[in-house]
Amino acid sequence: MDLFDILLSASFWAATIRIASPLIFATLGELICERAGVLNLGIEGIMVAGAFAGWVAVLNGLPLWGGVAVAMAVGMALGAVHSVLSVPFGLSQHVVGVGLTLLASALTFYTYRVMLPEVSSPPKIAAFQPYEVPLLSDLPFFGQALFSQTPLTYAAFVLAGLVALVLYRTPLGLAVRAAGESPAAVAAQGLSVTAIRMGAVIVGSGFMAVGGAFLTMSAFDSFFFEMVNGRGWICIALVVFGAWKPGKALLGALLFAAFDALQIRLQQTPMGALVPYQVFLMLPYALSILALVVMSRRAEVPAALMVPFNKGER
């Protein structure tokens, strides 16, 4: 199979959409935080905690959607910690975010060892199964690629539309965007910049955790510590790639996922016997960095991103 055949196969695009799904959840969560003026570097740890929390919840008897809810609640709790330290206390968002990633990852590892001390191979759960949309799943090519995915994948794309709708078509979205551009103007309207920013971080962190839960409850059926594997840092780059706009960020997630799906298939071609597999593993990251450099040159950063706000100060 050559490159042309790979790009024209429905299975390739189905894999692309599946790989992009957790990135979409987490990227939208980071985008909401940054739109409100807060850089959330705790995303990697939040995704790990969400992946573990959702898996444990289902392992202990909750239904799959209950596991998603538990993962989101854990993410929101971690987001609350981040928001308290970085917004009203005004601590360095870089330090708070990195510290939160270390804290969440360490707590997850500790909890796993306490709950399953003698387990060498983590137990499996009954994960989400692909749902074929009636009629649409029977379409040639598009049916397999788009309409035979798991429910969480459909939810990721619906969420992208909802986030765009709220940010650009509601007073709440206007307030969130204004908090990241001109917090003084928000305060002048009698709104609380602190509350808006804290709410954005808490909600955004919940979406990040759902992105992590996708890995244990939809992509796989178990939990292991390396499964997030830097996806959180990629999502931060995707926000910049998307110029802080949900639609472009969605396209960025699909682009990275396409590179990732492509490298897996290239390893199975004659080229895979000639080129070290590490080159293929590097491919999606290298191409994404190149795309990021090209796109970010014209991106407009929210003016008040990472700028603490204290009411009454100029």
Protein backbone atom coordinates (compact mmCIF):
# COMPACT_ATOMS: atom_id res chain seq x y z
CA MET A 1 0.00 0.00 0.00
CA ASP A 2 1.50 3.36 -1.02
CA LEU A 3 0.85 6.82 0.43
CA PHE A 4 -1.93 7.58 -2.03
CA ASP A 5 -3.80 4.41 -1.10
CA ILE A 6 -3.44 5.17 2.61
CA LEU A 7 -4.88 8.67 2.28
CA LEU A 8 -7.86 7.39 0.29
CA SER A 9 -8.78 4.59 2.70
CA ALA A 10 -11.78 4.98 4.99
CA SER A 11 -9.96 3.14 7.78
CA PHE A 12 -7.24 5.82 7.80
CA TRP A 13 -9.75 8.63 8.31
CA ALA A 14 -11.67 6.60 10.89
CA ALA A 15 -8.43 6.20 12.85
CA THR A 16 -7.67 9.91 12.44
CA ILE A 17 -10.99 10.91 13.97
CA ARG A 18 -10.56 8.39 16.79
CA ILE A 19 -7.05 9.62 17.63
CA ALA A 20 -8.19 13.25 17.48
CA SER A 21 -11.09 12.80 19.93
CA PRO A 22 -9.17 13.06 23.25
CA LEU A 23 -7.16 15.94 21.80
CA ILE A 24 -10.38 17.79 20.96
CA PHE A 25 -11.70 17.54 24.52
CA ALA A 26 -8.43 18.66 26.09
CA THR A 27 -7.71 21.39 23.52
CA LEU A 28 -11.15 22.92 24.01
CA GLY A 29 -10.58 22.86 27.77
CA GLU A 30 -7.23 24.64 27.43
CA LEU A 31 -8.73 27.11 24.96
CA ILE A 32 -11.45 28.10 27.43
CA CYS A 33 -8.83 28.68 30.15
CA GLU A 34 -6.61 30.78 27.92
CA ARG A 35 -9.50 32.75 26.46
CA ALA A 36 -10.24 33.87 30.01
CA GLY A 37 -6.59 34.85 30.53
CA VAL A 38 -5.22 31.79 32.38
CA LEU A 39 -2.55 29.45 31.03
CA ASN A 40 -3.24 25.97 32.41
CA LEU A 41 -0.07 23.90 32.31
CA GLY A 42 -1.69 21.35 34.58
CA ILE A 43 -3.37 19.76 31.55
CA GLU A 44 -1.07 16.72 31.37
CA GLY A 45 -1.66 15.76 35.00
CA ILE A 46 -5.38 16.48 34.75
CA MET A 47 -5.65 14.13 31.76
CA VAL A 48 -3.81 11.39 33.69
CA ALA A 49 -6.11 11.85 36.69
CA GLY A 50 -9.21 11.87 34.47
CA ALA A 51 -8.13 8.69 32.70
CA PHE A 52 -7.60 6.95 36.02
CA ALA A 53 -10.74 8.27 37.73
CA GLY A 54 -13.06 7.26 34.90
CA TRP A 55 -11.52 3.79 34.68
CA VAL A 56 -11.70 3.20 38.44
CA ALA A 57 -15.32 4.39 38.58
CA VAL A 58 -16.40 1.92 35.90
CA LEU A 59 -14.24 -0.82 37.41
CA ASN A 60 -16.18 -0.37 40.66
CA GLY A 61 -19.61 -0.67 39.07
CA LEU A 62 -20.61 2.71 37.67
CA PRO A 63 -21.97 2.85 34.11
CA LEU A 64 -19.70 4.28 31.41
CA TRP A 65 -21.32 7.71 31.39
CA GLY A 66 -21.06 7.70 35.18
CA GLY A 67 -17.33 7.14 34.76
CA VAL A 68 -17.17 10.12 32.40
CA ALA A 69 -18.97 12.23 35.01
CA VAL A 70 -16.54 11.14 37.74
CA ALA A 71 -13.54 11.96 35.52
CA MET A 72 -14.97 15.40 34.78
CA ALA A 73 -15.61 16.03 38.49
CA VAL A 74 -12.01 15.10 39.34
CA GLY A 75 -10.76 17.40 36.60
CA MET A 76 -12.92 20.25 37.88
CA ALA A 77 -11.61 19.71 41.41
CA LEU A 78 -8.02 19.96 40.17
CA GLY A 79 -9.02 22.99 38.13
CA ALA A 80 -10.41 24.57 41.27
CA VAL A 81 -7.01 24.17 42.94
CA HIS A 82 -5.31 25.78 39.94
CA SER A 83 -7.82 28.61 39.77
CA VAL A 84 -7.56 29.51 43.47
CA LEU A 85 -3.76 29.66 43.36
CA SER A 86 -3.44 31.45 40.01
CA VAL A 87 -6.39 33.87 39.98
CA PRO A 88 -7.18 35.43 43.39
CA PHE A 89 -3.72 34.68 44.82
CA GLY A 90 -2.00 35.71 41.59
CA LEU A 91 0.75 33.09 41.77
CA SER A 92 2.82 32.26 38.68
CA GLN A 93 0.60 30.34 36.27
CA HIS A 94 3.63 28.46 34.96
CA VAL A 95 4.65 27.24 38.40
CA VAL A 96 1.10 26.42 39.48
CA GLY A 97 0.42 24.49 36.28
CA VAL A 98 3.60 22.42 36.35
CA GLY A 99 3.13 21.79 40.06
CA LEU A 100 -0.44 20.62 39.45
CA THR A 101 0.73 18.21 36.74
CA LEU A 102 3.28 16.72 39.15
CA LEU A 103 0.74 16.58 41.99
CA ALA A 104 -2.03 14.96 39.91
CA SER A 105 0.33 12.41 38.38
CA ALA A 106 1.83 11.51 41.75
CA LEU A 107 -1.57 11.21 43.45
CA THR A 108 -2.78 9.00 40.62
CA PHE A 109 0.24 6.72 40.93
CA TYR A 110 -0.13 6.54 44.71
CA THR A 111 -3.88 5.81 44.54
CA TYR A 112 -3.33 3.11 41.93
CA ARG A 113 -0.75 1.35 44.10
CA VAL A 114 -2.95 1.59 47.19
CA MET A 115 -6.02 0.23 45.41
CA LEU A 116 -4.21 -2.46 43.40
CA PRO A 117 -1.02 -3.30 45.32
CA GLU A 118 -0.52 -6.80 43.98
CA VAL A 119 -1.72 -6.28 40.40
CA SER A 120 0.92 -6.53 37.69
CA SER A 121 -1.53 -6.15 34.81
CA PRO A 122 -4.37 -3.63 35.29
CA PRO A 123 -7.92 -5.02 35.06
CA LYS A 124 -9.99 -4.34 31.97
CA ILE A 125 -13.42 -2.75 31.73
CA ALA A 126 -16.21 -2.95 29.17
CA ALA A 127 -15.39 0.22 27.24
CA PHE A 128 -17.55 2.26 24.87
CA GLN A 129 -18.19 0.41 21.63
CA PRO A 130 -18.57 1.98 18.18
CA TYR A 131 -22.11 3.15 17.49
CA GLU A 132 -23.20 3.03 13.89
CA VAL A 133 -25.50 5.93 13.11
CA PRO A 134 -28.58 4.55 11.32
CA LEU A 135 -28.52 5.14 7.53
CA LEU A 136 -25.43 7.37 7.68
CA SER A 137 -23.13 4.49 8.64
CA ASP A 138 -24.16 2.71 5.42
CA LEU A 139 -22.77 5.48 3.22
CA PRO A 140 -19.78 4.47 1.11
CA PHE A 141 -16.47 5.67 2.60
CA PHE A 142 -18.04 8.32 4.89
CA GLY A 143 -20.07 5.75 6.81
CA GLN A 144 -17.01 3.91 8.09
CA ALA A 145 -14.89 7.04 8.51
CA LEU A 146 -17.38 9.34 10.25
CA PHE A 147 -20.44 7.49 11.47
CA SER A 148 -19.08 4.30 13.05
CA GLN A 149 -17.33 5.87 16.03
CA THR A 150 -17.83 5.58 19.79
CA PRO A 151 -20.30 7.90 21.55
CA LEU A 152 -17.48 9.91 23.16
CA THR A 153 -16.13 10.76 19.70
CA TYR A 154 -19.49 12.15 18.66
CA ALA A 155 -19.59 14.05 21.96
CA ALA A 156 -16.19 15.63 21.20
CA PHE A 157 -17.40 17.13 17.95
CA VAL A 158 -20.69 18.28 19.49
CA LEU A 159 -18.71 19.93 22.29
CA ALA A 160 -16.58 21.83 19.75
CA GLY A 161 -19.75 23.30 18.25
CA LEU A 162 -21.17 24.16 21.67
CA VAL A 163 -17.96 25.88 22.80
CA ALA A 164 -17.87 27.97 19.62
CA LEU A 165 -21.56 28.84 20.06
CA VAL A 166 -21.13 29.89 23.68
CA LEU A 167 -17.94 31.87 23.11
CA TYR A 168 -19.20 33.85 20.13
CA ARG A 169 -22.99 33.95 20.48
CA THR A 170 -23.74 34.38 24.19
CA PRO A 171 -23.13 37.06 26.85
CA LEU A 172 -21.24 34.48 28.90
CA GLY A 173 -18.84 33.84 26.03
CA LEU A 174 -18.35 37.57 25.55
CA ALA A 175 -17.50 37.92 29.24
CA VAL A 176 -14.99 35.05 29.06
CA ARG A 177 -13.28 36.53 26.00
CA ALA A 178 -13.25 40.00 27.54
CA ALA A 179 -11.66 38.63 30.73
CA GLY A 180 -8.74 37.48 28.59
CA GLU A 181 -8.53 40.65 26.54
CA SER A 182 -9.49 43.56 28.80
CA PRO A 183 -10.32 42.53 32.36
CA ALA A 184 -10.58 46.18 33.43
CA ALA A 185 -13.47 46.64 31.00
CA VAL A 186 -15.19 43.57 32.47
CA ALA A 187 -14.82 44.97 35.99
CA ALA A 188 -16.16 48.31 34.80
CA GLN A 189 -19.37 46.54 33.77
CA GLY A 190 -19.82 45.28 37.31
CA LEU A 191 -18.75 41.71 36.56
CA SER A 192 -16.24 39.73 38.60
CA VAL A 193 -13.10 38.98 36.62
CA THR A 194 -12.01 36.59 39.36
CA ALA A 195 -15.23 34.57 39.16
CA ILE A 196 -15.15 34.42 35.36
CA ARG A 197 -11.54 33.30 35.22
CA MET A 198 -11.96 30.74 37.99
CA GLY A 199 -15.09 29.35 36.36
CA ALA A 200 -13.34 29.07 32.99
CA VAL A 201 -10.40 27.18 34.53
CA ILE A 202 -12.68 24.81 36.43
CA VAL A 203 -14.88 24.02 33.42
CA GLY A 204 -11.91 23.79 31.06
CA SER A 205 -10.12 21.40 33.42
CA GLY A 206 -13.22 19.21 33.45
CA PHE A 207 -13.07 18.90 29.67
CA MET A 208 -9.36 18.04 29.87
CA ALA A 209 -10.13 15.20 32.26
CA VAL A 210 -12.79 13.84 29.90
CA GLY A 211 -10.09 13.82 27.21
CA GLY A 212 -8.02 11.62 29.50
CA ALA A 213 -11.02 9.42 30.28
CA PHE A 214 -11.51 8.86 26.54
CA LEU A 215 -8.24 6.92 26.51
CA THR A 216 -9.30 4.42 29.17
CA MET A 217 -12.99 4.21 28.32
CA SER A 218 -13.10 4.48 24.54
CA ALA A 219 -9.68 4.09 22.93
CA PHE A 220 -8.57 1.31 25.33
CA ASP A 221 -10.23 -0.71 28.08
CA SER A 222 -7.66 -0.33 30.84
CA PHE A 223 -5.29 2.16 32.46
CA PHE A 224 -1.54 2.51 32.30
CA PHE A 225 0.56 5.49 33.28
CA GLU A 226 2.17 6.17 29.91
CA MET A 227 -1.11 6.35 28.01
CA VAL A 228 -1.44 10.15 28.00
CA ASN A 229 2.12 10.31 26.63
CA GLY A 230 2.48 14.08 26.19
CA ARG A 231 -0.94 14.67 24.66
CA GLY A 232 -1.54 17.49 27.14
CA TRP A 233 1.46 19.45 25.89
CA ILE A 234 0.35 18.87 22.30
CA CYS A 235 -3.05 20.35 23.17
CA ILE A 236 -1.40 23.54 24.46
CA ALA A 237 0.35 23.84 21.09
CA LEU A 238 -2.93 23.15 19.27
CA VAL A 239 -4.55 26.13 21.00
CA VAL A 240 -1.82 28.36 19.57
CA PHE A 241 -2.10 26.64 16.19
CA GLY A 242 -5.84 27.34 16.21
CA ALA A 243 -5.30 31.02 17.08
CA TRP A 244 -7.49 30.55 20.17
CA LYS A 245 -10.52 29.72 18.00
CA PRO A 246 -12.47 26.46 18.49
CA GLY A 247 -12.90 25.70 14.78
CA LYS A 248 -9.23 26.07 13.94
CA ALA A 249 -8.21 24.19 17.07
CA LEU A 250 -10.47 21.33 15.95
CA LEU A 251 -8.74 21.27 12.57
CA GLY A 252 -5.37 21.30 14.32
CA ALA A 253 -6.33 18.24 16.39
CA LEU A 254 -7.41 16.43 13.24
CA LEU A 255 -4.17 17.39 11.50
CA PHE A 256 -2.00 16.01 14.30
CA ALA A 257 -4.12 12.87 14.48
CA ALA A 258 -3.77 12.39 10.71
CA PHE A 259 0.01 12.58 11.02
CA ASP A 260 -0.11 10.06 13.87
CA ALA A 261 -2.37 7.65 11.96
CA LEU A 262 -0.14 8.05 8.90
CA GLN A 263 3.08 7.15 10.71
CA ILE A 264 1.53 3.92 12.02
CA ARG A 265 0.62 2.85 8.49
CA LEU A 266 3.93 3.95 6.97
CA GLN A 267 5.71 1.53 9.29
CA GLN A 268 3.84 -1.30 7.57
CA THR A 269 4.97 -0.29 4.06
CA PRO A 270 8.28 -1.26 2.38
CA MET A 271 9.60 2.06 3.65
CA GLY A 272 9.20 0.74 7.19
CA ALA A 273 11.88 -1.87 6.57
CA LEU A 274 14.38 0.79 5.48
CA VAL A 275 13.74 3.61 7.95
CA PRO A 276 14.11 3.25 11.75
CA TYR A 277 10.71 3.21 13.42
CA GLN A 278 11.74 6.14 15.66
CA VAL A 279 11.64 8.38 12.58
CA PHE A 280 8.00 7.48 12.04
CA LEU A 281 7.18 8.09 15.70
CA MET A 282 8.78 11.51 15.41
CA LEU A 283 6.87 12.40 12.23
CA PRO A 284 3.59 13.75 13.72
CA TYR A 285 5.46 15.91 16.24
CA ALA A 286 7.90 17.30 13.68
CA LEU A 287 5.16 18.10 11.18
CA SER A 288 2.99 19.61 13.91
CA ILE A 289 5.84 21.87 15.05
CA LEU A 290 6.31 23.01 11.46
CA ALA A 291 2.61 23.74 11.08
CA LEU A 292 2.62 25.53 14.45
CA VAL A 293 5.49 27.78 13.39
CA VAL A 294 3.72 28.70 10.16
CA MET A 295 0.30 29.32 11.71
CA SER A 296 1.33 31.00 14.96
CA ARG A 297 3.15 33.86 13.24
CA ARG A 298 -0.19 35.50 12.50
CA ALA A 299 -1.99 34.40 15.67
CA GLU A 300 -3.20 37.11 18.06
CA VAL A 301 -2.60 36.14 21.67
CA PRO A 302 -5.30 37.21 24.15
CA ALA A 303 -3.97 40.52 25.45
CA ALA A 304 -4.37 39.67 29.14
CA LEU A 305 -3.20 36.05 28.97
CA MET A 306 -1.13 35.28 32.10
CA VAL A 307 -1.66 38.85 33.36
CA PRO A 308 -3.00 38.89 36.95
CA PHE A 309 -5.88 41.27 37.60
CA ASN A 310 -6.52 43.11 40.85
CA LYS A 311 -9.60 45.26 40.93
CA GLY A 312 -8.75 48.94 41.31
CA GLU A 313 -5.19 48.66 40.00
CA ARG A 314 -4.19 50.25 36.71
